[in-house]
Amino acid sequence: AALEAAEGALGLGKEARRVIETRLDALGLKPGKVDGVFDERTRRAIRRFQEARQMEPTGYLDQSTTVALLAGAVLRLGE
């Protein structure tokens, strides 16, 4: 419940969630349908991302995970 509350405190709307799912999909982490709804497949993809970056694999977004996901996408724009 604490992880879910912390994720909710980030204030991510449906479009931001879609962006995150799109990024997870681009990384080959298979988040399932890109619809802005974090289901079990999305949670598994988030855990995979966190594990790959030596973060605690909670399956929930926190500020560090969100920044790492989105910063990676922004850095790729320059390529």
PDB file of N, CA and C in Angstrom:
ATOM      1  N   ALA A   1       0.828  -1.195   0.000  1.00  0.00           N
ATOM      2  CA  ALA A   1       0.000   0.000   0.000  1.00  0.00           C
ATOM      3  C   ALA A   1       0.872   1.259   0.000  1.00  0.00           C
ATOM      4  N   ALA A   2       2.003   1.202   0.701  1.00  0.00           N
ATOM      5  CA  ALA A   2       2.892   2.364   0.755  1.00  0.00           C
ATOM      6  C   ALA A   2       3.501   2.647  -0.614  1.00  0.00           C
ATOM      7  N   LEU A   3       3.870   1.593  -1.327  1.00  0.00           N
ATOM      8  CA  LEU A   3       4.445   1.776  -2.669  1.00  0.00           C
ATOM      9  C   LEU A   3       3.415   2.365  -3.621  1.00  0.00           C
ATOM     10  N   GLU A   4       2.199   1.874  -3.514  1.00  0.00           N
ATOM     11  CA  GLU A   4       1.119   2.387  -4.364  1.00  0.00           C
ATOM     12  C   GLU A   4       0.835   3.854  -4.050  1.00  0.00           C
ATOM     13  N   ALA A   5       0.843   4.204  -2.772  1.00  0.00           N
ATOM     14  CA  ALA A   5       0.618   5.592  -2.364  1.00  0.00           C
ATOM     15  C   ALA A   5       1.742   6.495  -2.853  1.00  0.00           C
ATOM     16  N   ALA A   6       2.978   6.020  -2.759  1.00  0.00           N
ATOM     17  CA  ALA A   6       4.124   6.808  -3.228  1.00  0.00           C
ATOM     18  C   ALA A   6       4.035   7.029  -4.734  1.00  0.00           C
ATOM     19  N   GLU A   7       3.628   5.991  -5.459  1.00  0.00           N
ATOM     20  CA  GLU A   7       3.468   6.134  -6.910  1.00  0.00           C
ATOM     21  C   GLU A   7       2.355   7.137  -7.211  1.00  0.00           C
ATOM     22  N   GLY A   8       1.268   7.062  -6.477  1.00  0.00           N
ATOM     23  CA  GLY A   8       0.166   7.996  -6.670  1.00  0.00           C
ATOM     24  C   GLY A   8       0.566   9.433  -6.403  1.00  0.00           C
ATOM     25  N   ALA A   9       1.480   9.610  -5.454  1.00  0.00           N
ATOM     26  CA  ALA A   9       1.949  10.956  -5.102  1.00  0.00           C
ATOM     27  C   ALA A   9       2.732  11.606  -6.241  1.00  0.00           C
ATOM     28  N   LEU A  10       3.196  10.810  -7.193  1.00  0.00           N
ATOM     29  CA  LEU A  10       3.906  11.371  -8.350  1.00  0.00           C
ATOM     30  C   LEU A  10       2.952  12.159  -9.243  1.00  0.00           C
ATOM     31  N   GLY A  11       1.655  11.877  -9.132  1.00  0.00           N
ATOM     32  CA  GLY A  11       0.664  12.630  -9.898  1.00  0.00           C
ATOM     33  C   GLY A  11       0.680  12.344 -11.390  1.00  0.00           C
ATOM     34  N   LEU A  12       1.000  11.123 -11.761  1.00  0.00           N
ATOM     35  CA  LEU A  12       1.066  10.770 -13.176  1.00  0.00           C
ATOM     36  C   LEU A  12      -0.334  10.542 -13.744  1.00  0.00           C
ATOM     37  N   GLY A  13      -0.660  11.310 -14.754  1.00  0.00           N
ATOM     38  CA  GLY A  13      -1.939  11.125 -15.425  1.00  0.00           C
ATOM     39  C   GLY A  13      -1.861   9.977 -16.413  1.00  0.00           C
ATOM     40  N   LYS A  14      -2.986   9.704 -17.053  1.00  0.00           N
ATOM     41  CA  LYS A  14      -3.062   8.578 -17.989  1.00  0.00           C
ATOM     42  C   LYS A  14      -2.067   8.732 -19.142  1.00  0.00           C
ATOM     43  N   GLU A  15      -1.899   9.945 -19.640  1.00  0.00           N
ATOM     44  CA  GLU A  15      -0.962  10.153 -20.757  1.00  0.00           C
ATOM     45  C   GLU A  15       0.479   9.906 -20.320  1.00  0.00           C
ATOM     46  N   ALA A  16       0.842  10.347 -19.130  1.00  0.00           N
ATOM     47  CA  ALA A  16       2.193  10.092 -18.614  1.00  0.00           C
ATOM     48  C   ALA A  16       2.412   8.587 -18.442  1.00  0.00           C
ATOM     49  N   ARG A  17       1.381   7.892 -17.993  1.00  0.00           N
ATOM     50  CA  ARG A  17       1.481   6.436 -17.849  1.00  0.00           C
ATOM     51  C   ARG A  17       1.666   5.771 -19.208  1.00  0.00           C
ATOM     52  N   ARG A  18       0.999   6.302 -20.229  1.00  0.00           N
ATOM     53  CA  ARG A  18       1.178   5.762 -21.589  1.00  0.00           C
ATOM     54  C   ARG A  18       2.623   5.967 -22.057  1.00  0.00           C
ATOM     55  N   VAL A  19       3.177   7.141 -21.779  1.00  0.00           N
ATOM     56  CA  VAL A  19       4.562   7.424 -22.156  1.00  0.00           C
ATOM     57  C   VAL A  19       5.499   6.415 -21.480  1.00  0.00           C
ATOM     58  N   ILE A  20       5.264   6.140 -20.223  1.00  0.00           N
ATOM     59  CA  ILE A  20       6.095   5.183 -19.488  1.00  0.00           C
ATOM     60  C   ILE A  20       5.944   3.783 -20.078  1.00  0.00           C
ATOM     61  N   GLU A  21       4.709   3.381 -20.379  1.00  0.00           N
ATOM     62  CA  GLU A  21       4.500   2.066 -20.999  1.00  0.00           C
ATOM     63  C   GLU A  21       5.169   1.982 -22.371  1.00  0.00           C
ATOM     64  N   THR A  22       5.102   3.069 -23.126  1.00  0.00           N
ATOM     65  CA  THR A  22       5.747   3.109 -24.445  1.00  0.00           C
ATOM     66  C   THR A  22       7.254   2.946 -24.294  1.00  0.00           C
ATOM     67  N   ARG A  23       7.819   3.606 -23.301  1.00  0.00           N
ATOM     68  CA  ARG A  23       9.263   3.505 -23.043  1.00  0.00           C
ATOM     69  C   ARG A  23       9.653   2.086 -22.625  1.00  0.00           C
ATOM     70  N   LEU A  24       8.864   1.483 -21.737  1.00  0.00           N
ATOM     71  CA  LEU A  24       9.123   0.096 -21.330  1.00  0.00           C
ATOM     72  C   LEU A  24       9.054  -0.838 -22.537  1.00  0.00           C
ATOM     73  N   ASP A  25       8.083  -0.589 -23.412  1.00  0.00           N
ATOM     74  CA  ASP A  25       7.933  -1.409 -24.615  1.00  0.00           C
ATOM     75  C   ASP A  25       9.135  -1.227 -25.540  1.00  0.00           C
ATOM     76  N   ALA A  26       9.591   0.012 -25.705  1.00  0.00           N
ATOM     77  CA  ALA A  26      10.749   0.298 -26.562  1.00  0.00           C
ATOM     78  C   ALA A  26      12.008  -0.395 -26.038  1.00  0.00           C
ATOM     79  N   LEU A  27      12.060  -0.610 -24.730  1.00  0.00           N
ATOM     80  CA  LEU A  27      13.204  -1.291 -24.128  1.00  0.00           C
ATOM     81  C   LEU A  27      13.067  -2.814 -24.193  1.00  0.00           C
ATOM     82  N   GLY A  28      11.972  -3.282 -24.767  1.00  0.00           N
ATOM     83  CA  GLY A  28      11.761  -4.722 -24.898  1.00  0.00           C
ATOM     84  C   GLY A  28      11.315  -5.396 -23.610  1.00  0.00           C
ATOM     85  N   LEU A  29      10.722  -4.626 -22.695  1.00  0.00           N
ATOM     86  CA  LEU A  29      10.348  -5.173 -21.394  1.00  0.00           C
ATOM     87  C   LEU A  29       8.909  -5.678 -21.324  1.00  0.00           C
ATOM     88  N   LYS A  30       8.184  -5.614 -22.428  1.00  0.00           N
ATOM     89  CA  LYS A  30       6.852  -6.204 -22.580  1.00  0.00           C
ATOM     90  C   LYS A  30       5.847  -5.786 -21.504  1.00  0.00           C
ATOM     91  N   PRO A  31       5.480  -4.490 -21.490  1.00  0.00           N
ATOM     92  CA  PRO A  31       4.531  -4.019 -20.484  1.00  0.00           C
ATOM     93  C   PRO A  31       3.066  -4.349 -20.788  1.00  0.00           C
ATOM     94  N   GLY A  32       2.816  -5.013 -21.895  1.00  0.00           N
ATOM     95  CA  GLY A  32       1.434  -5.289 -22.284  1.00  0.00           C
ATOM     96  C   GLY A  32       0.875  -4.122 -23.082  1.00  0.00           C
ATOM     97  N   LYS A  33      -0.439  -4.024 -23.081  1.00  0.00           N
ATOM     98  CA  LYS A  33      -1.122  -2.990 -23.848  1.00  0.00           C
ATOM     99  C   LYS A  33      -0.736  -1.595 -23.341  1.00  0.00           C
ATOM    100  N   VAL A  34      -0.405  -0.706 -24.274  1.00  0.00           N
ATOM    101  CA  VAL A  34      -0.067   0.682 -23.932  1.00  0.00           C
ATOM    102  C   VAL A  34      -1.391   1.452 -23.847  1.00  0.00           C
ATOM    103  N   ASP A  35      -1.927   1.509 -22.626  1.00  0.00           N
ATOM    104  CA  ASP A  35      -3.246   2.108 -22.437  1.00  0.00           C
ATOM    105  C   ASP A  35      -3.326   3.029 -21.223  1.00  0.00           C
ATOM    106  N   GLY A  36      -2.190   3.235 -20.557  1.00  0.00           N
ATOM    107  CA  GLY A  36      -2.189   4.102 -19.388  1.00  0.00           C
ATOM    108  C   GLY A  36      -2.665   3.422 -18.118  1.00  0.00           C
ATOM    109  N   VAL A  37      -2.892   2.112 -18.193  1.00  0.00           N
ATOM    110  CA  VAL A  37      -3.319   1.340 -17.022  1.00  0.00           C
ATOM    111  C   VAL A  37      -2.187   0.391 -16.646  1.00  0.00           C
ATOM    112  N   PHE A  38      -1.730   0.498 -15.420  1.00  0.00           N
ATOM    113  CA  PHE A  38      -0.635  -0.360 -14.956  1.00  0.00           C
ATOM    114  C   PHE A  38      -1.201  -1.668 -14.405  1.00  0.00           C
ATOM    115  N   ASP A  39      -1.190  -2.704 -15.256  1.00  0.00           N
ATOM    116  CA  ASP A  39      -1.658  -4.022 -14.840  1.00  0.00           C
ATOM    117  C   ASP A  39      -0.452  -4.879 -14.431  1.00  0.00           C
ATOM    118  N   GLU A  40      -0.670  -6.156 -14.235  1.00  0.00           N
ATOM    119  CA  GLU A  40       0.419  -7.024 -13.762  1.00  0.00           C
ATOM    120  C   GLU A  40       1.571  -7.085 -14.764  1.00  0.00           C
ATOM    121  N   ARG A  41       1.277  -7.062 -16.066  1.00  0.00           N
ATOM    122  CA  ARG A  41       2.352  -7.079 -17.074  1.00  0.00           C
ATOM    123  C   ARG A  41       3.187  -5.806 -16.987  1.00  0.00           C
ATOM    124  N   THR A  42       2.529  -4.672 -16.755  1.00  0.00           N
ATOM    125  CA  THR A  42       3.256  -3.407 -16.605  1.00  0.00           C
ATOM    126  C   THR A  42       4.141  -3.458 -15.361  1.00  0.00           C
ATOM    127  N   ARG A  43       3.585  -3.977 -14.277  1.00  0.00           N
ATOM    128  CA  ARG A  43       4.350  -4.081 -13.018  1.00  0.00           C
ATOM    129  C   ARG A  43       5.581  -4.962 -13.211  1.00  0.00           C
ATOM    130  N   ARG A  44       5.423  -6.066 -13.951  1.00  0.00           N
ATOM    131  CA  ARG A  44       6.553  -6.968 -14.224  1.00  0.00           C
ATOM    132  C   ARG A  44       7.618  -6.241 -15.045  1.00  0.00           C
ATOM    133  N   ALA A  45       7.186  -5.458 -16.039  1.00  0.00           N
ATOM    134  CA  ALA A  45       8.125  -4.702 -16.873  1.00  0.00           C
ATOM    135  C   ALA A  45       8.879  -3.661 -16.039  1.00  0.00           C
ATOM    136  N   ILE A  46       8.175  -3.008 -15.132  1.00  0.00           N
ATOM    137  CA  ILE A  46       8.830  -2.028 -14.251  1.00  0.00           C
ATOM    138  C   ILE A  46       9.864  -2.735 -13.377  1.00  0.00           C
ATOM    139  N   ARG A  47       9.503  -3.906 -12.829  1.00  0.00           N
ATOM    140  CA  ARG A  47      10.465  -4.668 -12.012  1.00  0.00           C
ATOM    141  C   ARG A  47      11.694  -5.046 -12.828  1.00  0.00           C
ATOM    142  N   ARG A  48      11.495  -5.476 -14.064  1.00  0.00           N
ATOM    143  CA  ARG A  48      12.641  -5.823 -14.929  1.00  0.00           C
ATOM    144  C   ARG A  48      13.539  -4.613 -15.141  1.00  0.00           C
ATOM    145  N   PHE A  49      12.920  -3.465 -15.395  1.00  0.00           N
ATOM    146  CA  PHE A  49      13.692  -2.240 -15.584  1.00  0.00           C
ATOM    147  C   PHE A  49      14.494  -1.926 -14.330  1.00  0.00           C
ATOM    148  N   GLN A  50      13.838  -1.995 -13.178  1.00  0.00           N
ATOM    149  CA  GLN A  50      14.508  -1.688 -11.910  1.00  0.00           C
ATOM    150  C   GLN A  50      15.658  -2.668 -11.649  1.00  0.00           C
ATOM    151  N   GLU A  51      15.434  -3.940 -11.879  1.00  0.00           N
ATOM    152  CA  GLU A  51      16.486  -4.942 -11.665  1.00  0.00           C
ATOM    153  C   GLU A  51      17.693  -4.676 -12.560  1.00  0.00           C
ATOM    154  N   ALA A  52      17.434  -4.322 -13.814  1.00  0.00           N
ATOM    155  CA  ALA A  52      18.514  -4.074 -14.765  1.00  0.00           C
ATOM    156  C   ALA A  52      19.368  -2.876 -14.369  1.00  0.00           C
ATOM    157  N   ARG A  53      18.800  -1.989 -13.566  1.00  0.00           N
ATOM    158  CA  ARG A  53      19.526  -0.787 -13.134  1.00  0.00           C
ATOM    159  C   ARG A  53      19.884  -0.810 -11.653  1.00  0.00           C
ATOM    160  N   GLN A  54      19.912  -2.010 -11.094  1.00  0.00           N
ATOM    161  CA  GLN A  54      20.281  -2.201  -9.688  1.00  0.00           C
ATOM    162  C   GLN A  54      19.437  -1.357  -8.728  1.00  0.00           C
ATOM    163  N   MET A  55      18.175  -1.193  -9.056  1.00  0.00           N
ATOM    164  CA  MET A  55      17.227  -0.515  -8.168  1.00  0.00           C
ATOM    165  C   MET A  55      16.430  -1.596  -7.439  1.00  0.00           C
ATOM    166  N   GLU A  56      15.778  -1.224  -6.354  1.00  0.00           N
ATOM    167  CA  GLU A  56      14.923  -2.180  -5.660  1.00  0.00           C
ATOM    168  C   GLU A  56      13.753  -2.543  -6.585  1.00  0.00           C
ATOM    169  N   PRO A  57      13.597  -3.828  -6.918  1.00  0.00           N
ATOM    170  CA  PRO A  57      12.563  -4.236  -7.881  1.00  0.00           C
ATOM    171  C   PRO A  57      11.169  -4.333  -7.252  1.00  0.00           C
ATOM    172  N   THR A  58      10.515  -3.196  -7.114  1.00  0.00           N
ATOM    173  CA  THR A  58       9.198  -3.153  -6.477  1.00  0.00           C
ATOM    174  C   THR A  58       8.053  -3.331  -7.469  1.00  0.00           C
ATOM    175  N   GLY A  59       8.289  -2.944  -8.721  1.00  0.00           N
ATOM    176  CA  GLY A  59       7.217  -2.962  -9.708  1.00  0.00           C
ATOM    177  C   GLY A  59       6.364  -1.705  -9.669  1.00  0.00           C
ATOM    178  N   TYR A  60       6.727  -0.787  -8.787  1.00  0.00           N
ATOM    179  CA  TYR A  60       6.019   0.488  -8.680  1.00  0.00           C
ATOM    180  C   TYR A  60       6.981   1.620  -9.000  1.00  0.00           C
ATOM    181  N   LEU A  61       6.429   2.689  -9.556  1.00  0.00           N
ATOM    182  CA  LEU A  61       7.259   3.839  -9.879  1.00  0.00           C
ATOM    183  C   LEU A  61       7.526   4.670  -8.635  1.00  0.00           C
ATOM    184  N   ASP A  62       8.732   5.151  -8.553  1.00  0.00           N
ATOM    185  CA  ASP A  62       9.091   6.171  -7.582  1.00  0.00           C
ATOM    186  C   ASP A  62       9.820   7.235  -8.394  1.00  0.00           C
ATOM    187  N   GLN A  63      10.269   8.259  -7.747  1.00  0.00           N
ATOM    188  CA  GLN A  63      10.907   9.350  -8.484  1.00  0.00           C
ATOM    189  C   GLN A  63      12.150   8.867  -9.235  1.00  0.00           C
ATOM    190  N   SER A  64      12.975   8.052  -8.596  1.00  0.00           N
ATOM    191  CA  SER A  64      14.211   7.578  -9.232  1.00  0.00           C
ATOM    192  C   SER A  64      13.933   6.738 -10.469  1.00  0.00           C
ATOM    193  N   THR A  65      12.972   5.821 -10.361  1.00  0.00           N
ATOM    194  CA  THR A  65      12.639   4.958 -11.496  1.00  0.00           C
ATOM    195  C   THR A  65      12.063   5.777 -12.642  1.00  0.00           C
ATOM    196  N   THR A  66      11.185   6.708 -12.311  1.00  0.00           N
ATOM    197  CA  THR A  66      10.562   7.537 -13.340  1.00  0.00           C
ATOM    198  C   THR A  66      11.600   8.385 -14.064  1.00  0.00           C
ATOM    199  N   VAL A  67      12.492   9.002 -13.307  1.00  0.00           N
ATOM    200  CA  VAL A  67      13.548   9.819 -13.915  1.00  0.00           C
ATOM    201  C   VAL A  67      14.446   8.959 -14.803  1.00  0.00           C
ATOM    202  N   ALA A  68      14.830   7.776 -14.336  1.00  0.00           N
ATOM    203  CA  ALA A  68      15.697   6.900 -15.133  1.00  0.00           C
ATOM    204  C   ALA A  68      15.022   6.486 -16.431  1.00  0.00           C
ATOM    205  N   LEU A  69      13.746   6.155 -16.358  1.00  0.00           N
ATOM    206  CA  LEU A  69      13.000   5.761 -17.556  1.00  0.00           C
ATOM    207  C   LEU A  69      12.904   6.905 -18.560  1.00  0.00           C
ATOM    208  N   LEU A  70      12.491   8.062 -18.071  1.00  0.00           N
ATOM    209  CA  LEU A  70      12.260   9.188 -18.976  1.00  0.00           C
ATOM    210  C   LEU A  70      13.550   9.839 -19.437  1.00  0.00           C
ATOM    211  N   ALA A  71      14.565   9.879 -18.592  1.00  0.00           N
ATOM    212  CA  ALA A  71      15.847  10.451 -18.996  1.00  0.00           C
ATOM    213  C   ALA A  71      16.449   9.625 -20.127  1.00  0.00           C
ATOM    214  N   GLY A  72      16.310   8.328 -20.051  1.00  0.00           N
ATOM    215  CA  GLY A  72      16.813   7.465 -21.119  1.00  0.00           C
ATOM    216  C   GLY A  72      16.141   7.764 -22.441  1.00  0.00           C
ATOM    217  N   ALA A  73      14.852   8.061 -22.393  1.00  0.00           N
ATOM    218  CA  ALA A  73      14.115   8.388 -23.616  1.00  0.00           C
ATOM    219  C   ALA A  73      14.557   9.728 -24.182  1.00  0.00           C
ATOM    220  N   VAL A  74      14.778  10.703 -23.301  1.00  0.00           N
ATOM    221  CA  VAL A  74      15.199  12.045 -23.740  1.00  0.00           C
ATOM    222  C   VAL A  74      16.606  11.974 -24.342  1.00  0.00           C
ATOM    223  N   LEU A  75      17.497  11.228 -23.712  1.00  0.00           N
ATOM    224  CA  LEU A  75      18.858  11.120 -24.230  1.00  0.00           C
ATOM    225  C   LEU A  75      18.886  10.502 -25.612  1.00  0.00           C
ATOM    226  N   ARG A  76      17.970   9.596 -25.901  1.00  0.00           N
ATOM    227  CA  ARG A  76      17.922   8.952 -27.211  1.00  0.00           C
ATOM    228  C   ARG A  76      17.460   9.912 -28.294  1.00  0.00           C
ATOM    229  N   LEU A  77      16.770  10.974 -27.928  1.00  0.00           N
ATOM    230  CA  LEU A  77      16.295  11.942 -28.923  1.00  0.00           C
ATOM    231  C   LEU A  77      17.469  12.614 -29.636  1.00  0.00           C
ATOM    232  N   GLY A  78      18.595  12.724 -28.987  1.00  0.00           N
ATOM    233  CA  GLY A  78      19.762  13.370 -29.569  1.00  0.00           C
ATOM    234  C   GLY A  78      20.522  12.500 -30.552  1.00  0.00           C
ATOM    235  N   GLU A  79      20.159  11.233 -30.634  1.00  0.00           N
ATOM    236  CA  GLU A  79      20.911  10.309 -31.526  1.00  0.00           C
ATOM    237  C   GLU A  79      20.470  10.439 -32.959  1.00  0.00           C
TER     238      GLU A  79
END
